[in-house]
Amino acid sequence: MFWLESAIELDQHVGLSQREIHEALRLVEEHRDDIRNAWNTHFSG
């Protein structure tokens, strides 16, 4: 799970290698705005 507010931070993980964590972080950073917009759209109203 990643936190997206302020700075992107890894909250927790289960069974991921350092390589997998790094790749996940890269993808989250690359798609940060899309993820945030989807989250806000889904949970608004």
Protein backbone atom coordinates (compact mmCIF):
# COMPACT_ATOMS: atom_id res chain seq x y z
CA MET A 1 0.00 0.00 0.00
CA PHE A 2 1.28 3.45 -0.88
CA TRP A 3 0.35 6.84 0.56
CA LEU A 4 -0.01 9.48 -2.17
CA GLU A 5 -0.37 12.67 -0.15
CA SER A 6 2.62 14.92 0.49
CA ALA A 7 5.24 12.38 -0.58
CA ILE A 8 4.72 8.89 -1.95
CA GLU A 9 5.55 6.44 0.82
CA LEU A 10 5.30 2.69 1.15
CA ASP A 11 3.04 1.89 4.10
CA GLN A 12 3.33 -1.89 4.10
CA HIS A 13 4.04 -4.86 1.89
CA VAL A 14 3.84 -8.60 2.15
CA GLY A 15 6.22 -10.86 0.29
CA LEU A 16 7.59 -8.36 -2.22
CA SER A 17 11.26 -8.30 -3.11
CA GLN A 18 13.19 -5.02 -3.11
CA ARG A 19 13.10 -5.12 -6.93
CA GLU A 20 9.29 -5.48 -6.92
CA ILE A 21 8.92 -2.66 -4.39
CA HIS A 22 11.11 -0.40 -6.51
CA GLU A 23 9.08 -1.20 -9.64
CA ALA A 24 5.78 -0.60 -7.83
CA LEU A 25 7.05 2.74 -6.52
CA ARG A 26 8.14 3.75 -10.02
CA LEU A 27 4.69 2.92 -11.41
CA VAL A 28 2.89 4.78 -8.61
CA GLU A 29 5.07 7.86 -9.17
CA GLU A 30 4.48 7.69 -12.92
CA HIS A 31 0.69 7.44 -12.53
CA ARG A 32 0.23 9.48 -9.34
CA ASP A 33 -2.25 11.98 -10.82
CA ASP A 34 -4.32 9.27 -12.53
CA ILE A 35 -4.51 7.26 -9.30
CA ARG A 36 -5.48 10.31 -7.24
CA ASN A 37 -8.13 11.37 -9.77
CA ALA A 38 -9.63 7.86 -9.90
CA TRP A 39 -9.68 7.71 -6.08
CA ASN A 40 -11.40 11.09 -5.79
CA THR A 41 -13.93 10.22 -8.50
CA HIS A 42 -14.77 6.89 -6.89
CA PHE A 43 -15.18 8.25 -3.37
CA SER A 44 -16.82 11.60 -4.10
CA GLY A 45 -20.45 12.00 -3.13
